[in-house]
Protein backbone atom coordinates (compact mmCIF):
# COMPACT_ATOMS: atom_id res chain seq x y z
CA MET A 1 -64.44 61.14 -12.74
CA ASP A 2 -65.34 63.26 -15.77
CA PHE A 3 -61.79 63.87 -16.99
CA SER A 4 -62.89 66.10 -19.86
CA ALA A 5 -64.85 68.36 -17.48
CA LYS A 6 -61.83 68.66 -15.20
CA LEU A 7 -59.69 69.79 -18.13
CA ASP A 8 -62.36 72.36 -19.03
CA GLU A 9 -62.29 73.67 -15.45
CA ALA A 10 -58.51 73.94 -15.38
CA ILE A 11 -58.35 75.84 -18.67
CA ALA A 12 -61.32 78.05 -17.71
CA ARG A 13 -59.48 79.13 -14.54
CA LEU A 14 -56.61 80.44 -16.64
CA HIS A 15 -59.01 82.40 -18.84
CA GLU A 16 -60.78 83.87 -15.79
CA GLU A 17 -57.49 84.99 -14.26
CA GLY A 18 -56.27 86.44 -17.55
CA ARG A 19 -53.34 84.00 -17.56
CA TYR A 20 -54.25 81.81 -20.54
CA ARG A 21 -51.25 81.66 -22.87
CA THR A 22 -51.80 82.22 -26.57
CA PHE A 23 -49.23 81.12 -29.13
CA ILE A 24 -48.81 83.67 -31.90
CA ASP A 25 -47.99 82.29 -35.35
CA ILE A 26 -44.80 84.17 -36.24
CA GLU A 27 -42.64 83.48 -39.29
CA ARG A 28 -39.13 84.83 -39.01
CA GLN A 29 -37.58 86.02 -42.26
CA LYS A 30 -33.93 85.28 -42.95
CA GLY A 31 -31.86 88.44 -42.94
CA GLN A 32 -34.77 90.62 -41.77
CA PHE A 33 -34.67 90.11 -37.99
CA PRO A 34 -36.30 91.63 -35.89
CA HIS A 35 -38.95 91.93 -38.61
CA ALA A 36 -41.25 88.96 -39.16
CA ILE A 37 -44.68 87.98 -40.46
CA TRP A 38 -47.67 87.40 -38.19
CA ARG A 39 -50.19 84.95 -39.59
CA ARG A 40 -53.52 85.98 -38.13
CA PRO A 41 -56.14 83.40 -37.15
CA ASP A 42 -58.21 84.48 -40.17
CA GLY A 43 -55.34 83.56 -42.52
CA THR A 44 -54.25 87.11 -43.36
CA GLU A 45 -50.66 88.27 -42.82
CA GLN A 46 -49.22 91.35 -41.12
CA PRO A 47 -45.62 92.55 -40.81
CA VAL A 48 -44.49 92.77 -37.17
CA THR A 49 -41.40 93.68 -35.19
CA VAL A 50 -40.37 91.06 -32.64
CA TRP A 51 -39.59 92.68 -29.26
CA CYS A 52 -39.60 89.63 -26.98
CA GLY A 53 -37.21 87.18 -28.64
CA ASN A 54 -34.28 85.62 -26.83
CA ASP A 55 -32.12 85.64 -29.97
CA TYR A 56 -30.52 88.60 -28.24
CA LEU A 57 -27.84 89.35 -30.84
CA GLY A 58 -29.59 88.17 -33.99
CA MET A 59 -27.11 85.29 -34.39
CA GLY A 60 -29.92 83.01 -35.59
CA GLN A 61 -29.71 84.95 -38.86
CA HIS A 62 -25.93 85.40 -39.03
CA PRO A 63 -24.27 84.23 -42.28
CA VAL A 64 -21.44 82.50 -40.38
CA VAL A 65 -23.96 80.37 -38.48
CA LEU A 66 -26.12 79.58 -41.50
CA GLU A 67 -23.11 78.62 -43.62
CA ALA A 68 -21.86 76.20 -40.96
CA MET A 69 -25.30 74.62 -40.65
CA HIS A 70 -25.72 74.22 -44.41
CA GLU A 71 -22.28 72.62 -44.68
CA ALA A 72 -23.00 70.13 -41.89
CA LEU A 73 -26.48 69.35 -43.23
CA ASP A 74 -25.11 68.64 -46.70
CA SER A 75 -22.34 66.48 -45.24
CA THR A 76 -24.25 64.45 -42.64
CA GLY A 77 -28.00 64.77 -43.21
CA ALA A 78 -30.67 65.74 -40.71
CA GLY A 79 -30.53 63.72 -37.50
CA SER A 80 -27.74 62.62 -35.19
CA GLY A 81 -28.74 58.96 -35.24
CA GLY A 82 -29.11 58.33 -31.54
CA THR A 83 -27.91 59.05 -28.04
CA ARG A 84 -24.31 60.13 -27.52
CA ASN A 85 -23.22 56.69 -26.28
CA ILE A 86 -24.86 54.77 -29.14
CA SER A 87 -24.37 56.63 -32.40
CA GLY A 88 -25.07 60.28 -31.67
CA THR A 89 -21.55 61.61 -31.17
CA THR A 90 -20.00 63.32 -34.18
CA VAL A 91 -17.07 65.58 -34.90
CA TYR A 92 -19.52 68.50 -34.68
CA HIS A 93 -20.51 67.67 -31.11
CA LYS A 94 -16.87 67.29 -30.04
CA ARG A 95 -15.93 70.54 -31.76
CA LEU A 96 -18.74 72.40 -30.01
CA GLU A 97 -17.78 71.04 -26.59
CA ALA A 98 -14.18 72.11 -27.20
CA GLU A 99 -15.33 75.62 -28.14
CA LEU A 100 -17.43 75.85 -24.97
CA ALA A 101 -14.68 74.56 -22.69
CA ASP A 102 -12.32 77.13 -24.20
CA LEU A 103 -14.94 79.89 -23.86
CA HIS A 104 -15.26 79.34 -20.11
CA GLY A 105 -11.64 78.47 -19.41
CA LYS A 106 -12.59 74.99 -18.19
CA GLU A 107 -11.11 71.57 -18.87
CA ALA A 108 -14.28 70.25 -20.48
CA ALA A 109 -17.88 70.92 -21.45
CA LEU A 110 -20.86 68.60 -21.79
CA LEU A 111 -23.58 69.23 -24.36
CA PHE A 112 -27.31 68.74 -23.69
CA THR A 113 -30.39 69.25 -25.84
CA SER A 114 -31.35 72.36 -23.84
CA ALA A 115 -30.15 74.41 -20.90
CA TYR A 116 -33.28 73.29 -19.03
CA ILE A 117 -32.19 69.67 -19.39
CA ALA A 118 -28.60 70.60 -18.51
CA ASN A 119 -29.74 72.20 -15.24
CA ASP A 120 -32.26 69.50 -14.37
CA ALA A 121 -29.96 66.59 -15.22
CA THR A 122 -26.88 68.00 -13.51
CA LEU A 123 -28.51 69.23 -10.30
CA SER A 124 -30.53 66.03 -9.90
CA THR A 125 -27.40 63.90 -10.41
CA LEU A 126 -24.95 65.66 -8.08
CA PRO A 127 -26.24 64.00 -4.85
CA LYS A 128 -25.48 60.62 -6.42
CA LEU A 129 -21.87 61.75 -6.77
CA PHE A 130 -21.65 63.51 -3.40
CA PRO A 131 -23.79 61.61 -0.84
CA GLY A 132 -25.34 63.90 1.73
CA LEU A 133 -24.99 66.96 -0.54
CA ILE A 134 -26.91 70.06 0.58
CA ILE A 135 -27.88 72.45 -2.22
CA TYR A 136 -28.44 76.12 -1.39
CA SER A 137 -30.65 77.59 -4.10
CA ASP A 138 -31.63 81.21 -4.72
CA GLU A 139 -35.42 81.58 -4.43
CA LEU A 140 -35.65 83.15 -7.91
CA ASN A 141 -33.70 80.44 -9.70
CA HIS A 142 -35.11 79.21 -13.00
CA ALA A 143 -37.72 76.44 -13.02
CA SER A 144 -35.16 74.01 -14.45
CA MET A 145 -32.88 74.51 -11.45
CA ILE A 146 -35.79 74.21 -9.04
CA GLU A 147 -36.87 70.96 -10.70
CA GLY A 148 -33.36 69.51 -10.63
CA VAL A 149 -32.94 70.32 -6.95
CA ARG A 150 -36.43 69.00 -6.13
CA ARG A 151 -35.91 65.68 -7.90
CA ASN A 152 -32.48 64.84 -6.58
CA GLY A 153 -33.75 63.49 -3.28
CA GLY A 154 -31.10 65.34 -1.30
CA ALA A 155 -31.26 68.17 1.18
CA LYS A 156 -32.03 71.67 -0.06
CA ARG A 157 -32.06 75.15 1.42
CA ILE A 158 -33.73 78.11 -0.29
CA PHE A 159 -32.14 81.49 0.40
CA LYS A 160 -33.80 84.85 -0.17
CA HIS A 161 -32.97 86.38 -3.51
CA ASN A 162 -29.39 87.70 -3.56
CA ASP A 163 -29.49 87.83 0.26
CA LEU A 164 -25.96 87.06 1.42
CA ASP A 165 -26.82 87.31 5.11
CA HIS A 166 -29.56 84.69 4.73
CA LEU A 167 -27.27 82.45 2.70
CA ARG A 168 -24.57 82.71 5.36
CA GLU A 169 -27.11 81.92 8.07
CA LEU A 170 -28.21 78.75 6.25
CA LEU A 171 -24.65 77.63 5.56
CA ALA A 172 -23.59 78.17 9.17
CA ALA A 173 -26.55 76.20 10.51
CA ASP A 174 -25.60 72.98 8.72
CA ASP A 175 -23.02 70.33 9.51
CA PRO A 176 -19.59 71.76 8.60
CA ASP A 177 -18.57 68.39 7.20
CA ALA A 178 -21.58 67.98 4.90
CA PRO A 179 -20.86 68.51 1.18
CA LYS A 180 -22.46 71.75 -0.02
CA LEU A 181 -23.27 73.48 -3.31
CA ILE A 182 -24.59 77.01 -3.94
CA ALA A 183 -26.75 77.32 -7.07
CA PHE A 184 -27.62 80.72 -8.52
CA GLU A 185 -27.94 82.69 -11.75
CA SER A 186 -25.74 85.49 -13.06
CA VAL A 187 -28.58 87.49 -14.66
CA TYR A 188 -32.16 86.92 -13.53
CA SER A 189 -34.20 87.23 -16.68
CA MET A 190 -37.45 88.68 -15.35
CA ASP A 191 -36.04 91.70 -13.46
CA GLY A 192 -32.66 91.79 -15.18
CA ASP A 193 -30.68 92.00 -11.93
CA PHE A 194 -27.26 90.50 -11.31
CA ALA A 195 -26.10 88.08 -8.62
CA PRO A 196 -23.33 89.17 -6.21
CA ILE A 197 -21.05 86.52 -7.68
CA GLU A 198 -17.82 87.44 -5.89
CA ALA A 199 -19.49 87.54 -2.48
CA ILE A 200 -21.18 84.19 -3.11
CA CYS A 201 -17.81 82.72 -4.08
CA ASP A 202 -16.33 84.11 -0.86
CA LEU A 203 -19.02 82.33 1.15
CA ALA A 204 -18.44 79.15 -0.82
CA ASP A 205 -14.74 79.29 0.02
CA GLU A 206 -15.48 79.95 3.68
CA PHE A 207 -17.86 77.02 4.01
CA GLY A 208 -16.18 74.63 1.57
CA ALA A 209 -19.05 74.66 -0.93
CA LEU A 210 -19.09 74.09 -4.67
CA THR A 211 -20.50 76.87 -6.88
CA TYR A 212 -23.02 76.36 -9.70
CA ILE A 213 -23.94 79.34 -11.88
CA ASP A 214 -26.58 79.61 -14.60
CA GLU A 215 -25.27 82.05 -17.23
CA VAL A 216 -28.12 81.42 -19.68
CA HIS A 217 -29.07 85.09 -20.05
CA ALA A 218 -25.45 86.26 -20.13
CA VAL A 219 -23.41 83.98 -22.41
CA GLY A 220 -22.53 85.67 -25.68
CA MET A 221 -23.37 89.11 -24.27
CA TYR A 222 -21.04 89.80 -21.33
CA GLY A 223 -17.30 89.47 -20.88
CA PRO A 224 -14.43 90.09 -23.31
CA ARG A 225 -15.23 86.88 -25.22
CA GLY A 226 -18.89 86.51 -24.36
CA ALA A 227 -18.46 83.90 -21.63
CA GLY A 228 -20.87 85.71 -19.31
CA VAL A 229 -20.94 87.88 -16.21
CA ALA A 230 -18.43 85.68 -14.37
CA GLU A 231 -15.94 86.38 -17.16
CA ARG A 232 -16.77 90.10 -17.13
CA ASP A 233 -16.06 90.16 -13.39
CA ARG A 234 -12.96 87.92 -13.74
CA LEU A 235 -14.49 85.22 -11.56
CA MET A 236 -14.82 82.21 -13.86
CA HIS A 237 -11.95 80.42 -12.15
CA ARG A 238 -13.93 80.51 -8.90
CA ILE A 239 -17.02 78.84 -10.37
CA ASP A 240 -17.05 75.04 -10.31
CA ILE A 241 -19.91 74.39 -12.76
CA ILE A 242 -21.15 76.84 -15.39
CA ASN A 243 -24.46 76.28 -17.14
CA GLY A 244 -25.23 78.01 -20.42
CA THR A 245 -27.50 77.93 -23.43
CA LEU A 246 -26.98 77.91 -27.17
CA ALA A 247 -30.57 79.02 -27.84
CA LYS A 248 -30.43 82.68 -26.81
CA ALA A 249 -27.48 84.94 -27.67
CA PHE A 250 -25.84 82.15 -29.70
CA GLY A 251 -29.03 81.92 -31.76
CA VAL A 252 -29.35 78.16 -32.25
CA MET A 253 -30.42 75.43 -29.78
CA GLY A 254 -28.99 73.35 -26.95
CA GLY A 255 -27.51 73.72 -23.49
CA TYR A 256 -24.35 72.70 -21.68
CA ILE A 257 -22.27 72.68 -18.55
CA ALA A 258 -18.57 73.55 -18.37
CA ALA A 259 -16.43 72.26 -15.52
CA THR A 260 -13.46 70.01 -14.81
CA ALA A 261 -13.01 67.00 -17.07
CA LYS A 262 -13.71 64.76 -14.08
CA MET A 263 -16.98 66.54 -13.24
CA CYS A 264 -18.22 66.41 -16.84
CA ASP A 265 -17.27 62.75 -17.09
CA ALA A 266 -19.20 61.91 -13.91
CA ILE A 267 -22.34 63.77 -15.06
CA ARG A 268 -22.03 62.16 -18.50
CA SER A 269 -21.86 58.76 -16.88
CA TYR A 270 -24.62 59.11 -14.26
CA ALA A 271 -27.25 61.60 -15.51
CA PRO A 272 -30.29 59.90 -17.14
CA GLY A 273 -31.17 63.20 -18.82
CA PHE A 274 -27.93 62.93 -20.76
CA ILE A 275 -27.59 59.17 -21.18
CA PHE A 276 -31.05 58.47 -22.62
CA THR A 277 -31.57 61.57 -24.81
CA THR A 278 -30.89 61.66 -28.55
CA SER A 279 -28.14 64.18 -29.24
CA LEU A 280 -28.58 67.43 -31.11
CA PRO A 281 -28.57 67.21 -34.92
CA PRO A 282 -25.04 67.73 -36.28
CA ALA A 283 -26.17 70.80 -38.24
CA VAL A 284 -27.38 72.43 -35.02
CA ALA A 285 -24.11 71.62 -33.25
CA ALA A 286 -22.14 73.02 -36.19
CA GLY A 287 -24.14 76.25 -36.20
CA ALA A 288 -23.73 76.66 -32.45
CA ALA A 289 -19.97 76.09 -32.64
CA ALA A 290 -19.68 78.71 -35.38
CA SER A 291 -21.71 81.17 -33.32
CA VAL A 292 -19.64 80.63 -30.17
CA ALA A 293 -16.40 81.02 -32.12
CA HIS A 294 -17.60 84.18 -33.84
CA LEU A 295 -18.83 85.90 -30.69
CA LYS A 296 -15.51 85.33 -28.95
CA THR A 297 -14.18 88.15 -31.15
CA ASP A 298 -17.23 90.36 -31.88
CA GLN A 299 -17.12 92.88 -29.06
CA ALA A 300 -18.66 95.53 -31.31
CA LEU A 301 -21.88 93.54 -31.50
CA ARG A 302 -21.99 93.21 -27.71
CA ASP A 303 -21.38 96.94 -27.29
CA LEU A 304 -24.16 97.82 -29.74
CA HIS A 305 -26.53 95.49 -27.91
CA GLN A 306 -25.91 97.27 -24.61
CA THR A 307 -26.29 100.67 -26.29
CA GLN A 308 -29.68 99.77 -27.73
CA ALA A 309 -30.87 98.46 -24.36
CA LYS A 310 -29.75 101.65 -22.59
CA THR A 311 -31.43 103.79 -25.26
CA LEU A 312 -34.75 101.98 -24.93
CA LYS A 313 -34.69 102.17 -21.13
CA LEU A 314 -33.91 105.89 -21.24
CA ARG A 315 -36.78 106.53 -23.68
CA LEU A 316 -39.31 104.52 -21.64
CA LYS A 317 -38.19 106.16 -18.40
CA GLY A 318 -38.83 109.50 -20.08
CA LEU A 319 -42.48 108.50 -20.41
CA GLY A 320 -42.64 107.78 -16.68
CA LEU A 321 -43.39 104.10 -17.20
CA PRO A 322 -42.72 101.72 -14.27
CA LEU A 323 -39.52 100.23 -15.61
CA ILE A 324 -37.09 98.02 -13.71
CA ASP A 325 -33.47 98.84 -14.56
CA HIS A 326 -30.61 96.92 -12.97
CA GLY A 327 -28.15 97.76 -15.75
CA SER A 328 -28.61 94.61 -17.82
CA HIS A 329 -30.06 94.14 -21.30
CA ILE A 330 -33.47 93.09 -19.92
CA VAL A 331 -36.19 95.78 -20.13
CA PRO A 332 -39.24 94.87 -17.98
CA VAL A 333 -42.20 97.29 -17.81
CA ILE A 334 -44.46 96.43 -14.88
CA VAL A 335 -48.20 96.48 -15.60
CA GLY A 336 -49.27 94.67 -12.42
CA ASP A 337 -52.43 93.01 -13.71
CA PRO A 338 -52.70 89.94 -15.96
CA VAL A 339 -55.75 91.17 -17.88
CA HIS A 340 -54.23 94.59 -18.58
CA THR A 341 -50.92 92.99 -19.55
CA LYS A 342 -52.61 90.70 -22.08
CA LYS A 343 -54.70 93.60 -23.40
CA LEU A 344 -51.61 95.75 -23.92
CA SER A 345 -49.87 92.88 -25.69
CA ASP A 346 -52.85 92.33 -27.98
CA MET A 347 -53.20 96.04 -28.80
CA LEU A 348 -49.49 96.41 -29.55
CA LEU A 349 -49.65 93.47 -31.93
CA ASP A 350 -52.93 94.26 -33.67
CA GLY A 351 -52.66 98.04 -33.83
CA TYR A 352 -48.93 98.68 -34.11
CA GLY A 353 -47.34 95.50 -35.43
CA ILE A 354 -45.28 95.13 -32.25
CA TYR A 355 -44.95 91.60 -30.90
CA VAL A 356 -44.26 91.25 -27.16
CA GLN A 357 -45.73 88.44 -25.08
CA PRO A 358 -47.27 89.14 -21.66
CA ILE A 359 -45.38 87.71 -18.68
CA ASN A 360 -47.78 86.50 -15.99
CA PHE A 361 -47.86 84.22 -12.94
CA PRO A 362 -46.28 81.71 -12.32
CA THR A 363 -43.33 83.06 -14.32
CA VAL A 364 -43.44 86.18 -12.13
CA PRO A 365 -45.24 86.80 -8.80
CA ARG A 366 -48.87 87.94 -8.90
CA GLY A 367 -49.11 91.71 -9.02
CA THR A 368 -45.86 92.06 -10.99
CA GLU A 369 -47.20 91.04 -14.40
CA ARG A 370 -45.21 92.74 -17.12
CA LEU A 371 -44.16 93.27 -20.68
CA ARG A 372 -40.54 92.21 -21.07
CA PHE A 373 -38.72 93.83 -23.98
CA THR A 374 -35.47 92.41 -25.32
CA PRO A 375 -33.78 94.93 -27.64
CA SER A 376 -31.08 93.62 -29.96
CA PRO A 377 -28.33 95.30 -32.00
CA VAL A 378 -30.68 95.34 -35.00
CA HIS A 379 -33.53 97.15 -33.22
CA GLY A 380 -32.64 100.51 -34.69
CA PRO A 381 -33.93 104.09 -34.10
CA GLN A 382 -37.02 103.52 -36.23
CA GLU A 383 -38.07 100.39 -34.32
CA ILE A 384 -37.40 102.06 -30.96
CA ASP A 385 -39.39 105.17 -31.97
CA GLN A 386 -42.31 103.00 -33.03
CA LEU A 387 -42.31 101.10 -29.73
CA VAL A 388 -41.99 104.20 -27.54
CA HIS A 389 -44.81 106.02 -29.33
CA ALA A 390 -47.06 102.96 -29.11
CA MET A 391 -46.40 102.47 -25.39
CA ASP A 392 -47.06 106.16 -24.72
CA ALA A 393 -50.41 106.04 -26.53
CA LEU A 394 -51.60 102.72 -25.10
CA TRP A 395 -50.55 103.44 -21.52
CA SER A 396 -52.77 106.52 -21.58
CA HIS A 397 -55.55 104.71 -23.41
CA CYS A 398 -55.64 101.95 -20.81
CA ALA A 399 -55.57 104.56 -18.00
CA LEU A 400 -52.64 102.88 -16.30
CA ASN A 401 -50.62 104.73 -13.67
CA ARG A 402 -47.26 106.15 -14.62
CA SER A 403 -44.49 106.17 -12.08
CA GLU A 404 -42.88 109.41 -11.07
CA LEU A 405 -39.58 107.62 -11.04
CA SER A 406 -38.74 104.28 -12.63
CA ALA A 407 -37.02 101.65 -10.49
């Protein structure tokens, strides 16, 4: 086989479909977020405004976080020194896990290098702990959850997105004595819709199932202390395992689960994705702990974030753009074609200094390609005006249809 030719064919297909992903060289500037510098391929530089970052609250630039990271770096150096069971556990890791357990009102938390690994490692390990486990997974769950469920070797059932009747039907069809777990997200990041958490918990109680929620796009932003949608809805006590990230609203890096001490101990002891992975650098753990602690008390920042998201959605709806609005902080504008989506992204960047990456298949279904905007508390009136005017001009220039009424 001509392996090189096969690689050429695979990459060419992506180009032909308009789905080839281009990495843009962006340099964030401390204290200036969402403003950054774009280094063009020709070596020149251009100021840009970042509109697609997951540092939802700008905590990656917050003085409290930076101070904690500098202090830990000066005290301990760069790396952690190994896996958690060899030499990679420090006071910073323990402090962060205590902050996370307290945040979610759980007995314990377990830190991973990313929320992807936390999902994959936990969901692929659970059948080892509960032989015969059946996992019921929402069809729009994140790739990390899908991978964890796929790899675990146990039984799985996929229920239609947020469809309680279908979930009930699947639960009722299985052996009543079989161990069960329902896995779902609180906020689905592509459409920005919420799961019916209370109703899912009711079904879990009825059928004796565990509950596993991914709060990745909600921690830091929802609830009185930023613990997520389950906290906002006063349902955390009904969730058995909570997955979250430290790389989005908390502005640093890493992922975790929060659960009973016994559950965390079992995952810690059996999950290869935890056992054989070098732990996060102490400076990263220190910054994350500082961010979690700070956001427990900064409701004003959360309120401002929601206000900016509502303002942007209202302005884009006024233009008649096909916007999906489920009341979350996610602002998806549907373009519906991968080539047009990439073209819009390129024109926004090159002509207006607005950086937003196109979202194409397989991240979203074909025909729903989109630009996904993530406003933050520091996207002010000037940045919003610039974006709205650019979208108005380019939508007309590209002769795209405008909706009479946004979703």
